[in-house]
Amino acid sequence: MYKLLVLTDSDSADGFRLAGVDVMIAESPEEARKTLASLIDTDSSGIIAVNERLMTAIDERLRKKIDSIYRPIVVSLPIREKLEMGEDHRAYLSRLIRRAIGFDITLRRG
């Protein structure tokens, strides 16, 4: 059975643990890059969710590897600071959805 793993900083790790998710902590982007490279090669990894701030440190070589494999699926988690900066939330969520599924989806209020 494949696992859902979260790679994040120590500030947000407890919340994911409370949700029952396996969490790996990286305190620096370099540590995240090394940990992610290791997790990608682990057979039990199914989905790896990476803190968006840490994801920015992923080099081009690792990014190409992530794009070329079908498992594990690597997705970035929006960081709290970015959501609070006042960026247009709809545009931000649309961009995340497009990156995850490859389609544009229009978000409307009900």
PDB file of N, CA and C in Angstrom:
ATOM      1  N   MET A   1       0.849  -1.174   0.000  1.00  0.00           N
ATOM      2  CA  MET A   1       0.000   0.000   0.000  1.00  0.00           C
ATOM      3  C   MET A   1       0.898   1.241   0.000  1.00  0.00           C
ATOM      4  N   TYR A   2       0.539   2.186  -0.856  1.00  0.00           N
ATOM      5  CA  TYR A   2       1.331   3.410  -0.959  1.00  0.00           C
ATOM      6  C   TYR A   2       0.919   4.408   0.113  1.00  0.00           C
ATOM      7  N   LYS A   3       1.878   5.224   0.511  1.00  0.00           N
ATOM      8  CA  LYS A   3       1.638   6.179   1.590  1.00  0.00           C
ATOM      9  C   LYS A   3       1.499   7.607   1.075  1.00  0.00           C
ATOM     10  N   LEU A   4       0.737   8.386   1.822  1.00  0.00           N
ATOM     11  CA  LEU A   4       0.699   9.829   1.653  1.00  0.00           C
ATOM     12  C   LEU A   4       1.687  10.399   2.649  1.00  0.00           C
ATOM     13  N   LEU A   5       2.640  11.169   2.164  1.00  0.00           N
ATOM     14  CA  LEU A   5       3.653  11.775   3.016  1.00  0.00           C
ATOM     15  C   LEU A   5       3.605  13.280   2.849  1.00  0.00           C
ATOM     16  N   VAL A   6       3.875  13.995   3.914  1.00  0.00           N
ATOM     17  CA  VAL A   6       3.982  15.448   3.843  1.00  0.00           C
ATOM     18  C   VAL A   6       5.396  15.839   4.232  1.00  0.00           C
ATOM     19  N   LEU A   7       6.012  16.647   3.394  1.00  0.00           N
ATOM     20  CA  LEU A   7       7.346  17.194   3.665  1.00  0.00           C
ATOM     21  C   LEU A   7       7.173  18.678   3.936  1.00  0.00           C
ATOM     22  N   THR A   8       7.402  19.066   5.172  1.00  0.00           N
ATOM     23  CA  THR A   8       7.134  20.464   5.541  1.00  0.00           C
ATOM     24  C   THR A   8       8.083  20.912   6.642  1.00  0.00           C
ATOM     25  N   ASP A   9       7.906  22.148   7.084  1.00  0.00           N
ATOM     26  CA  ASP A   9       8.732  22.668   8.174  1.00  0.00           C
ATOM     27  C   ASP A   9       8.101  22.278   9.515  1.00  0.00           C
ATOM     28  N   SER A  10       8.824  22.537  10.598  1.00  0.00           N
ATOM     29  CA  SER A  10       8.350  22.120  11.919  1.00  0.00           C
ATOM     30  C   SER A  10       7.123  22.913  12.367  1.00  0.00           C
ATOM     31  N   ASP A  11       6.936  24.134  11.842  1.00  0.00           N
ATOM     32  CA  ASP A  11       5.787  24.954  12.242  1.00  0.00           C
ATOM     33  C   ASP A  11       4.454  24.332  11.853  1.00  0.00           C
ATOM     34  N   SER A  12       4.390  23.687  10.726  1.00  0.00           N
ATOM     35  CA  SER A  12       3.116  23.136  10.264  1.00  0.00           C
ATOM     36  C   SER A  12       3.043  21.617  10.392  1.00  0.00           C
ATOM     37  N   ALA A  13       4.092  20.989  10.865  1.00  0.00           N
ATOM     38  CA  ALA A  13       4.125  19.519  10.942  1.00  0.00           C
ATOM     39  C   ALA A  13       3.068  18.959  11.882  1.00  0.00           C
ATOM     40  N   ASP A  14       2.873  19.596  13.028  1.00  0.00           N
ATOM     41  CA  ASP A  14       1.934  19.050  14.016  1.00  0.00           C
ATOM     42  C   ASP A  14       0.512  18.966  13.481  1.00  0.00           C
ATOM     43  N   GLY A  15       0.104  19.927  12.700  1.00  0.00           N
ATOM     44  CA  GLY A  15      -1.243  19.902  12.138  1.00  0.00           C
ATOM     45  C   GLY A  15      -1.459  18.691  11.247  1.00  0.00           C
ATOM     46  N   PHE A  16      -0.469  18.369  10.449  1.00  0.00           N
ATOM     47  CA  PHE A  16      -0.589  17.198   9.579  1.00  0.00           C
ATOM     48  C   PHE A  16      -0.540  15.912  10.394  1.00  0.00           C
ATOM     49  N   ARG A  17       0.279  15.911  11.426  1.00  0.00           N
ATOM     50  CA  ARG A  17       0.332  14.717  12.291  1.00  0.00           C
ATOM     51  C   ARG A  17      -1.020  14.475  12.966  1.00  0.00           C
ATOM     52  N   LEU A  18      -1.653  15.555  13.404  1.00  0.00           N
ATOM     53  CA  LEU A  18      -2.968  15.416  14.028  1.00  0.00           C
ATOM     54  C   LEU A  18      -3.991  14.840  13.050  1.00  0.00           C
ATOM     55  N   ALA A  19      -3.773  15.084  11.769  1.00  0.00           N
ATOM     56  CA  ALA A  19      -4.669  14.538  10.746  1.00  0.00           C
ATOM     57  C   ALA A  19      -4.317  13.089  10.412  1.00  0.00           C
ATOM     58  N   GLY A  20      -3.264  12.578  11.013  1.00  0.00           N
ATOM     59  CA  GLY A  20      -2.897  11.181  10.797  1.00  0.00           C
ATOM     60  C   GLY A  20      -1.977  10.927   9.626  1.00  0.00           C
ATOM     61  N   VAL A  21      -1.350  11.977   9.120  1.00  0.00           N
ATOM     62  CA  VAL A  21      -0.470  11.853   7.964  1.00  0.00           C
ATOM     63  C   VAL A  21       0.971  11.661   8.430  1.00  0.00           C
ATOM     64  N   ASP A  22       1.720  10.842   7.697  1.00  0.00           N
ATOM     65  CA  ASP A  22       3.156  10.712   7.963  1.00  0.00           C
ATOM     66  C   ASP A  22       3.850  11.998   7.541  1.00  0.00           C
ATOM     67  N   VAL A  23       4.672  12.541   8.416  1.00  0.00           N
ATOM     68  CA  VAL A  23       5.312  13.833   8.175  1.00  0.00           C
ATOM     69  C   VAL A  23       6.827  13.698   8.235  1.00  0.00           C
ATOM     70  N   MET A  24       7.482  14.314   7.264  1.00  0.00           N
ATOM     71  CA  MET A  24       8.934  14.461   7.280  1.00  0.00           C
ATOM     72  C   MET A  24       9.206  15.960   7.427  1.00  0.00           C
ATOM     73  N   ILE A  25      10.125  16.304   8.312  1.00  0.00           N
ATOM     74  CA  ILE A  25      10.428  17.713   8.553  1.00  0.00           C
ATOM     75  C   ILE A  25      11.745  18.076   7.886  1.00  0.00           C
ATOM     76  N   ALA A  26      11.733  19.221   7.221  1.00  0.00           N
ATOM     77  CA  ALA A  26      12.952  19.799   6.655  1.00  0.00           C
ATOM     78  C   ALA A  26      12.998  21.256   7.102  1.00  0.00           C
ATOM     79  N   GLU A  27      14.075  21.642   7.691  1.00  0.00           N
ATOM     80  CA  GLU A  27      14.191  23.016   8.192  1.00  0.00           C
ATOM     81  C   GLU A  27      14.811  23.966   7.177  1.00  0.00           C
ATOM     82  N   SER A  28      15.335  23.419   6.095  1.00  0.00           N
ATOM     83  CA  SER A  28      15.920  24.286   5.067  1.00  0.00           C
ATOM     84  C   SER A  28      15.546  23.738   3.691  1.00  0.00           C
ATOM     85  N   PRO A  29      15.569  24.585   2.692  1.00  0.00           N
ATOM     86  CA  PRO A  29      15.283  24.105   1.333  1.00  0.00           C
ATOM     87  C   PRO A  29      16.266  23.024   0.881  1.00  0.00           C
ATOM     88  N   GLU A  30      17.522  23.143   1.262  1.00  0.00           N
ATOM     89  CA  GLU A  30      18.512  22.131   0.883  1.00  0.00           C
ATOM     90  C   GLU A  30      18.182  20.782   1.522  1.00  0.00           C
ATOM     91  N   GLU A  31      17.805  20.800   2.789  1.00  0.00           N
ATOM     92  CA  GLU A  31      17.407  19.566   3.467  1.00  0.00           C
ATOM     93  C   GLU A  31      16.157  18.979   2.802  1.00  0.00           C
ATOM     94  N   ALA A  32      15.240  19.838   2.399  1.00  0.00           N
ATOM     95  CA  ALA A  32      14.031  19.370   1.712  1.00  0.00           C
ATOM     96  C   ALA A  32      14.384  18.711   0.389  1.00  0.00           C
ATOM     97  N   ARG A  33      15.307  19.297  -0.350  1.00  0.00           N
ATOM     98  CA  ARG A  33      15.702  18.727  -1.640  1.00  0.00           C
ATOM     99  C   ARG A  33      16.262  17.323  -1.459  1.00  0.00           C
ATOM    100  N   LYS A  34      17.131  17.161  -0.470  1.00  0.00           N
ATOM    101  CA  LYS A  34      17.724  15.838  -0.219  1.00  0.00           C
ATOM    102  C   LYS A  34      16.673  14.837   0.240  1.00  0.00           C
ATOM    103  N   THR A  35      15.786  15.269   1.119  1.00  0.00           N
ATOM    104  CA  THR A  35      14.743  14.368   1.622  1.00  0.00           C
ATOM    105  C   THR A  35      13.787  13.974   0.506  1.00  0.00           C
ATOM    106  N   LEU A  36      13.403  14.932  -0.319  1.00  0.00           N
ATOM    107  CA  LEU A  36      12.488  14.633  -1.427  1.00  0.00           C
ATOM    108  C   LEU A  36      13.128  13.665  -2.417  1.00  0.00           C
ATOM    109  N   ALA A  37      14.387  13.870  -2.720  1.00  0.00           N
ATOM    110  CA  ALA A  37      15.087  12.958  -3.641  1.00  0.00           C
ATOM    111  C   ALA A  37      15.074  11.536  -3.092  1.00  0.00           C
ATOM    112  N   SER A  38      15.229  11.398  -1.795  1.00  0.00           N
ATOM    113  CA  SER A  38      15.193  10.081  -1.165  1.00  0.00           C
ATOM    114  C   SER A  38      13.781   9.488  -1.189  1.00  0.00           C
ATOM    115  N   LEU A  39      12.778  10.311  -0.886  1.00  0.00           N
ATOM    116  CA  LEU A  39      11.394   9.828  -0.847  1.00  0.00           C
ATOM    117  C   LEU A  39      10.908   9.376  -2.218  1.00  0.00           C
ATOM    118  N   ILE A  40      11.364  10.044  -3.266  1.00  0.00           N
ATOM    119  CA  ILE A  40      10.945   9.672  -4.616  1.00  0.00           C
ATOM    120  C   ILE A  40      11.409   8.264  -4.954  1.00  0.00           C
ATOM    121  N   ASP A  41      12.545   7.881  -4.444  1.00  0.00           N
ATOM    122  CA  ASP A  41      13.084   6.547  -4.727  1.00  0.00           C
ATOM    123  C   ASP A  41      12.569   5.476  -3.774  1.00  0.00           C
ATOM    124  N   THR A  42      11.713   5.845  -2.839  1.00  0.00           N
ATOM    125  CA  THR A  42      11.160   4.883  -1.894  1.00  0.00           C
ATOM    126  C   THR A  42       9.919   4.226  -2.497  1.00  0.00           C
ATOM    127  N   ASP A  43       9.876   2.917  -2.508  1.00  0.00           N
ATOM    128  CA  ASP A  43       8.776   2.188  -3.148  1.00  0.00           C
ATOM    129  C   ASP A  43       7.415   2.448  -2.516  1.00  0.00           C
ATOM    130  N   SER A  44       7.372   2.754  -1.235  1.00  0.00           N
ATOM    131  CA  SER A  44       6.083   2.924  -0.563  1.00  0.00           C
ATOM    132  C   SER A  44       5.483   4.321  -0.741  1.00  0.00           C
ATOM    133  N   SER A  45       6.216   5.239  -1.339  1.00  0.00           N
ATOM    134  CA  SER A  45       5.701   6.601  -1.525  1.00  0.00           C
ATOM    135  C   SER A  45       4.652   6.629  -2.630  1.00  0.00           C
ATOM    136  N   GLY A  46       3.440   7.095  -2.300  1.00  0.00           N
ATOM    137  CA  GLY A  46       2.382   7.207  -3.299  1.00  0.00           C
ATOM    138  C   GLY A  46       2.144   8.651  -3.693  1.00  0.00           C
ATOM    139  N   ILE A  47       1.933   9.492  -2.691  1.00  0.00           N
ATOM    140  CA  ILE A  47       1.757  10.925  -2.898  1.00  0.00           C
ATOM    141  C   ILE A  47       2.649  11.648  -1.893  1.00  0.00           C
ATOM    142  N   ILE A  48       3.409  12.604  -2.383  1.00  0.00           N
ATOM    143  CA  ILE A  48       4.263  13.409  -1.516  1.00  0.00           C
ATOM    144  C   ILE A  48       3.808  14.856  -1.652  1.00  0.00           C
ATOM    145  N   ALA A  49       3.330  15.420  -0.567  1.00  0.00           N
ATOM    146  CA  ALA A  49       2.916  16.819  -0.546  1.00  0.00           C
ATOM    147  C   ALA A  49       4.040  17.624   0.100  1.00  0.00           C
ATOM    148  N   VAL A  50       4.520  18.627  -0.614  1.00  0.00           N
ATOM    149  CA  VAL A  50       5.681  19.392  -0.167  1.00  0.00           C
ATOM    150  C   VAL A  50       5.285  20.838   0.088  1.00  0.00           C
ATOM    151  N   ASN A  51       5.704  21.361   1.219  1.00  0.00           N
ATOM    152  CA  ASN A  51       5.503  22.773   1.538  1.00  0.00           C
ATOM    153  C   ASN A  51       6.005  23.612   0.367  1.00  0.00           C
ATOM    154  N   GLU A  52       5.176  24.519  -0.117  1.00  0.00           N
ATOM    155  CA  GLU A  52       5.508  25.293  -1.315  1.00  0.00           C
ATOM    156  C   GLU A  52       6.817  26.075  -1.167  1.00  0.00           C
ATOM    157  N   ARG A  53       7.086  26.595   0.020  1.00  0.00           N
ATOM    158  CA  ARG A  53       8.329  27.342   0.234  1.00  0.00           C
ATOM    159  C   ARG A  53       9.536  26.432   0.052  1.00  0.00           C
ATOM    160  N   LEU A  54       9.427  25.198   0.527  1.00  0.00           N
ATOM    161  CA  LEU A  54      10.531  24.247   0.377  1.00  0.00           C
ATOM    162  C   LEU A  54      10.642  23.752  -1.055  1.00  0.00           C
ATOM    163  N   MET A  55       9.525  23.714  -1.747  1.00  0.00           N
ATOM    164  CA  MET A  55       9.517  23.224  -3.133  1.00  0.00           C
ATOM    165  C   MET A  55      10.308  24.142  -4.057  1.00  0.00           C
ATOM    166  N   THR A  56      10.465  25.410  -3.674  1.00  0.00           N
ATOM    167  CA  THR A  56      11.193  26.345  -4.534  1.00  0.00           C
ATOM    168  C   THR A  56      12.672  25.996  -4.641  1.00  0.00           C
ATOM    169  N   ALA A  57      13.173  25.190  -3.734  1.00  0.00           N
ATOM    170  CA  ALA A  57      14.593  24.834  -3.759  1.00  0.00           C
ATOM    171  C   ALA A  57      14.889  23.626  -4.640  1.00  0.00           C
ATOM    172  N   ILE A  58      13.851  23.048  -5.196  1.00  0.00           N
ATOM    173  CA  ILE A  58      14.052  21.858  -6.014  1.00  0.00           C
ATOM    174  C   ILE A  58      14.767  22.259  -7.302  1.00  0.00           C
ATOM    175  N   ASP A  59      15.877  21.613  -7.565  1.00  0.00           N
ATOM    176  CA  ASP A  59      16.639  21.958  -8.767  1.00  0.00           C
ATOM    177  C   ASP A  59      15.979  21.368 -10.020  1.00  0.00           C
ATOM    178  N   GLU A  60      16.436  21.840 -11.158  1.00  0.00           N
ATOM    179  CA  GLU A  60      15.840  21.464 -12.438  1.00  0.00           C
ATOM    180  C   GLU A  60      15.926  19.957 -12.694  1.00  0.00           C
ATOM    181  N   ARG A  61      17.008  19.361 -12.316  1.00  0.00           N
ATOM    182  CA  ARG A  61      17.195  17.913 -12.532  1.00  0.00           C
ATOM    183  C   ARG A  61      16.145  17.105 -11.756  1.00  0.00           C
ATOM    184  N   LEU A  62      15.956  17.453 -10.491  1.00  0.00           N
ATOM    185  CA  LEU A  62      14.968  16.737  -9.687  1.00  0.00           C
ATOM    186  C   LEU A  62      13.556  17.031 -10.182  1.00  0.00           C
ATOM    187  N   ARG A  63      13.313  18.279 -10.603  1.00  0.00           N
ATOM    188  CA  ARG A  63      11.993  18.643 -11.125  1.00  0.00           C
ATOM    189  C   ARG A  63      11.668  17.821 -12.386  1.00  0.00           C
ATOM    190  N   LYS A  64      12.653  17.629 -13.255  1.00  0.00           N
ATOM    191  CA  LYS A  64      12.427  16.820 -14.466  1.00  0.00           C
ATOM    192  C   LYS A  64      12.145  15.372 -14.098  1.00  0.00           C
ATOM    193  N   LYS A  65      12.848  14.877 -13.085  1.00  0.00           N
ATOM    194  CA  LYS A  65      12.602  13.511 -12.636  1.00  0.00           C
ATOM    195  C   LYS A  65      11.174  13.377 -12.108  1.00  0.00           C
ATOM    196  N   ILE A  66      10.742  14.363 -11.315  1.00  0.00           N
ATOM    197  CA  ILE A  66       9.379  14.348 -10.773  1.00  0.00           C
ATOM    198  C   ILE A  66       8.356  14.347 -11.910  1.00  0.00           C
ATOM    199  N   ASP A  67       8.602  15.148 -12.940  1.00  0.00           N
ATOM    200  CA  ASP A  67       7.670  15.238 -14.066  1.00  0.00           C
ATOM    201  C   ASP A  67       7.659  13.978 -14.919  1.00  0.00           C
ATOM    202  N   SER A  68       8.710  13.195 -14.865  1.00  0.00           N
ATOM    203  CA  SER A  68       8.809  12.037 -15.757  1.00  0.00           C
ATOM    204  C   SER A  68       8.303  10.735 -15.133  1.00  0.00           C
ATOM    205  N   ILE A  69       8.067  10.713 -13.850  1.00  0.00           N
ATOM    206  CA  ILE A  69       7.628   9.481 -13.199  1.00  0.00           C
ATOM    207  C   ILE A  69       6.131   9.536 -12.932  1.00  0.00           C
ATOM    208  N   TYR A  70       5.508   8.367 -12.873  1.00  0.00           N
ATOM    209  CA  TYR A  70       4.073   8.348 -12.600  1.00  0.00           C
ATOM    210  C   TYR A  70       3.778   8.175 -11.114  1.00  0.00           C
ATOM    211  N   ARG A  71       4.729   7.670 -10.360  1.00  0.00           N
ATOM    212  CA  ARG A  71       4.579   7.505  -8.920  1.00  0.00           C
ATOM    213  C   ARG A  71       5.936   7.633  -8.267  1.00  0.00           C
ATOM    214  N   PRO A  72       6.004   8.338  -7.198  1.00  0.00           N
ATOM    215  CA  PRO A  72       4.954   9.030  -6.486  1.00  0.00           C
ATOM    216  C   PRO A  72       4.540  10.333  -7.180  1.00  0.00           C
ATOM    217  N   ILE A  73       3.342  10.757  -6.860  1.00  0.00           N
ATOM    218  CA  ILE A  73       2.859  12.047  -7.322  1.00  0.00           C
ATOM    219  C   ILE A  73       3.345  13.082  -6.316  1.00  0.00           C
ATOM    220  N   VAL A  74       3.984  14.124  -6.816  1.00  0.00           N
ATOM    221  CA  VAL A  74       4.511  15.178  -5.943  1.00  0.00           C
ATOM    222  C   VAL A  74       3.693  16.440  -6.178  1.00  0.00           C
ATOM    223  N   VAL A  75       3.096  16.954  -5.122  1.00  0.00           N
ATOM    224  CA  VAL A  75       2.301  18.177  -5.206  1.00  0.00           C
ATOM    225  C   VAL A  75       2.833  19.163  -4.178  1.00  0.00           C
ATOM    226  N   SER A  76       2.649  20.448  -4.446  1.00  0.00           N
ATOM    227  CA  SER A  76       3.080  21.452  -3.476  1.00  0.00           C
ATOM    228  C   SER A  76       1.888  21.913  -2.657  1.00  0.00           C
ATOM    229  N   LEU A  77       2.155  22.168  -1.392  1.00  0.00           N
ATOM    230  CA  LEU A  77       1.132  22.668  -0.478  1.00  0.00           C
ATOM    231  C   LEU A  77       1.250  24.170  -0.373  1.00  0.00           C
ATOM    232  N   PRO A  78       0.152  24.898  -0.531  1.00  0.00           N
ATOM    233  CA  PRO A  78       0.222  26.345  -0.378  1.00  0.00           C
ATOM    234  C   PRO A  78       0.657  26.708   1.040  1.00  0.00           C
ATOM    235  N   ILE A  79       1.486  27.706   1.131  1.00  0.00           N
ATOM    236  CA  ILE A  79       1.946  28.129   2.443  1.00  0.00           C
ATOM    237  C   ILE A  79       1.068  29.248   2.967  1.00  0.00           C
ATOM    238  N   ARG A  80       0.946  29.281   4.277  1.00  0.00           N
ATOM    239  CA  ARG A  80       0.070  30.241   4.942  1.00  0.00           C
ATOM    240  C   ARG A  80       0.430  31.683   4.596  1.00  0.00           C
ATOM    241  N   GLU A  81       1.716  31.998   4.562  1.00  0.00           N
ATOM    242  CA  GLU A  81       2.133  33.372   4.289  1.00  0.00           C
ATOM    243  C   GLU A  81       1.642  33.851   2.936  1.00  0.00           C
ATOM    244  N   LYS A  82       1.695  32.977   1.951  1.00  0.00           N
ATOM    245  CA  LYS A  82       1.279  33.362   0.609  1.00  0.00           C
ATOM    246  C   LYS A  82      -0.229  33.587   0.545  1.00  0.00           C
ATOM    247  N   LEU A  83      -0.987  32.752   1.260  1.00  0.00           N
ATOM    248  CA  LEU A  83      -2.432  32.914   1.262  1.00  0.00           C
ATOM    249  C   LEU A  83      -2.848  34.182   1.984  1.00  0.00           C
ATOM    250  N   GLU A  84      -2.033  34.618   2.963  1.00  0.00           N
ATOM    251  CA  GLU A  84      -2.376  35.807   3.729  1.00  0.00           C
ATOM    252  C   GLU A  84      -1.881  37.099   3.089  1.00  0.00           C
ATOM    253  N   MET A  85      -1.051  36.996   2.041  1.00  0.00           N
ATOM    254  CA  MET A  85      -0.479  38.181   1.416  1.00  0.00           C
ATOM    255  C   MET A  85      -1.494  38.952   0.592  1.00  0.00           C
ATOM    256  N   GLY A  86      -2.669  38.432   0.413  1.00  0.00           N
ATOM    257  CA  GLY A  86      -3.675  39.151  -0.332  1.00  0.00           C
ATOM    258  C   GLY A  86      -3.687  38.831  -1.803  1.00  0.00           C
ATOM    259  N   GLU A  87      -2.912  37.830  -2.195  1.00  0.00           N
ATOM    260  CA  GLU A  87      -2.965  37.420  -3.591  1.00  0.00           C
ATOM    261  C   GLU A  87      -4.396  36.991  -3.900  1.00  0.00           C
ATOM    262  N   ASP A  88      -4.819  37.202  -5.113  1.00  0.00           N
ATOM    263  CA  ASP A  88      -6.147  36.777  -5.519  1.00  0.00           C
ATOM    264  C   ASP A  88      -6.259  35.268  -5.280  1.00  0.00           C
ATOM    265  N   HIS A  89      -7.072  34.903  -4.298  1.00  0.00           N
ATOM    266  CA  HIS A  89      -7.176  33.498  -3.903  1.00  0.00           C
ATOM    267  C   HIS A  89      -7.703  32.612  -5.024  1.00  0.00           C
ATOM    268  N   ARG A  90      -8.646  33.150  -5.791  1.00  0.00           N
ATOM    269  CA  ARG A  90      -9.188  32.345  -6.888  1.00  0.00           C
ATOM    270  C   ARG A  90      -8.118  32.042  -7.927  1.00  0.00           C
ATOM    271  N   ALA A  91      -7.345  33.047  -8.288  1.00  0.00           N
ATOM    272  CA  ALA A  91      -6.282  32.833  -9.274  1.00  0.00           C
ATOM    273  C   ALA A  91      -5.244  31.856  -8.740  1.00  0.00           C
ATOM    274  N   TYR A  92      -4.936  31.989  -7.467  1.00  0.00           N
ATOM    275  CA  TYR A  92      -3.954  31.101  -6.857  1.00  0.00           C
ATOM    276  C   TYR A  92      -4.456  29.663  -6.854  1.00  0.00           C
ATOM    277  N   LEU A  93      -5.702  29.457  -6.430  1.00  0.00           N
ATOM    278  CA  LEU A  93      -6.259  28.103  -6.408  1.00  0.00           C
ATOM    279  C   LEU A  93      -6.399  27.543  -7.820  1.00  0.00           C
ATOM    280  N   SER A  94      -6.793  28.369  -8.759  1.00  0.00           N
ATOM    281  CA  SER A  94      -6.902  27.917 -10.147  1.00  0.00           C
ATOM    282  C   SER A  94      -5.551  27.449 -10.671  1.00  0.00           C
ATOM    283  N   ARG A  95      -4.507  28.203 -10.325  1.00  0.00           N
ATOM    284  CA  ARG A  95      -3.158  27.827 -10.762  1.00  0.00           C
ATOM    285  C   ARG A  95      -2.751  26.483 -10.156  1.00  0.00           C
ATOM    286  N   LEU A  96      -3.063  26.285  -8.862  1.00  0.00           N
ATOM    287  CA  LEU A  96      -2.724  25.012  -8.211  1.00  0.00           C
ATOM    288  C   LEU A  96      -3.479  23.846  -8.856  1.00  0.00           C
ATOM    289  N   ILE A  97      -4.765  24.058  -9.133  1.00  0.00           N
ATOM    290  CA  ILE A  97      -5.574  22.996  -9.740  1.00  0.00           C
ATOM    291  C   ILE A  97      -5.057  22.673 -11.140  1.00  0.00           C
ATOM    292  N   ARG A  98      -4.736  23.719 -11.898  1.00  0.00           N
ATOM    293  CA  ARG A  98      -4.214  23.493 -13.252  1.00  0.00           C
ATOM    294  C   ARG A  98      -2.917  22.707 -13.200  1.00  0.00           C
ATOM    295  N   ARG A  99      -2.060  23.032 -12.277  1.00  0.00           N
ATOM    296  CA  ARG A  99      -0.795  22.324 -12.155  1.00  0.00           C
ATOM    297  C   ARG A  99      -1.018  20.870 -11.738  1.00  0.00           C
ATOM    298  N   ALA A 100      -2.034  20.627 -10.903  1.00  0.00           N
ATOM    299  CA  ALA A 100      -2.269  19.269 -10.407  1.00  0.00           C
ATOM    300  C   ALA A 100      -2.961  18.383 -11.427  1.00  0.00           C
ATOM    301  N   ILE A 101      -3.953  18.932 -12.143  1.00  0.00           N
ATOM    302  CA  ILE A 101      -4.731  18.070 -13.037  1.00  0.00           C
ATOM    303  C   ILE A 101      -4.571  18.432 -14.501  1.00  0.00           C
ATOM    304  N   GLY A 102      -3.952  19.577 -14.787  1.00  0.00           N
ATOM    305  CA  GLY A 102      -3.703  19.942 -16.172  1.00  0.00           C
ATOM    306  C   GLY A 102      -4.847  20.635 -16.869  1.00  0.00           C
ATOM    307  N   PHE A 103      -5.888  21.039 -16.154  1.00  0.00           N
ATOM    308  CA  PHE A 103      -7.026  21.720 -16.752  1.00  0.00           C
ATOM    309  C   PHE A 103      -7.320  23.009 -15.984  1.00  0.00           C
ATOM    310  N   ASP A 104      -7.885  23.973 -16.724  1.00  0.00           N
ATOM    311  CA  ASP A 104      -8.367  25.190 -16.078  1.00  0.00           C
ATOM    312  C   ASP A 104      -9.778  24.957 -15.574  1.00  0.00           C
ATOM    313  N   ILE A 105     -10.029  25.335 -14.350  1.00  0.00           N
ATOM    314  CA  ILE A 105     -11.371  25.237 -13.780  1.00  0.00           C
ATOM    315  C   ILE A 105     -11.759  26.613 -13.266  1.00  0.00           C
ATOM    316  N   THR A 106     -12.938  27.065 -13.648  1.00  0.00           N
ATOM    317  CA  THR A 106     -13.411  28.366 -13.196  1.00  0.00           C
ATOM    318  C   THR A 106     -14.084  28.202 -11.841  1.00  0.00           C
ATOM    319  N   LEU A 107     -13.617  28.978 -10.874  1.00  0.00           N
ATOM    320  CA  LEU A 107     -14.176  28.921  -9.528  1.00  0.00           C
ATOM    321  C   LEU A 107     -15.189  30.047  -9.376  1.00  0.00           C
ATOM    322  N   ARG A 108     -16.408  29.686  -8.993  1.00  0.00           N
ATOM    323  CA  ARG A 108     -17.463  30.678  -8.783  1.00  0.00           C
ATOM    324  C   ARG A 108     -18.029  30.522  -7.392  1.00  0.00           C
ATOM    325  N   ARG A 109     -18.465  31.639  -6.874  1.00  0.00           N
ATOM    326  CA  ARG A 109     -19.158  31.598  -5.581  1.00  0.00           C
ATOM    327  C   ARG A 109     -20.588  31.170  -5.805  1.00  0.00           C
ATOM    328  N   GLY A 110     -21.100  30.353  -4.902  1.00  0.00           N
ATOM    329  CA  GLY A 110     -22.439  29.815  -5.069  1.00  0.00           C
ATOM    330  C   GLY A 110     -23.524  30.671  -4.581  1.00  0.00           C
TER     331      GLY A 110
END
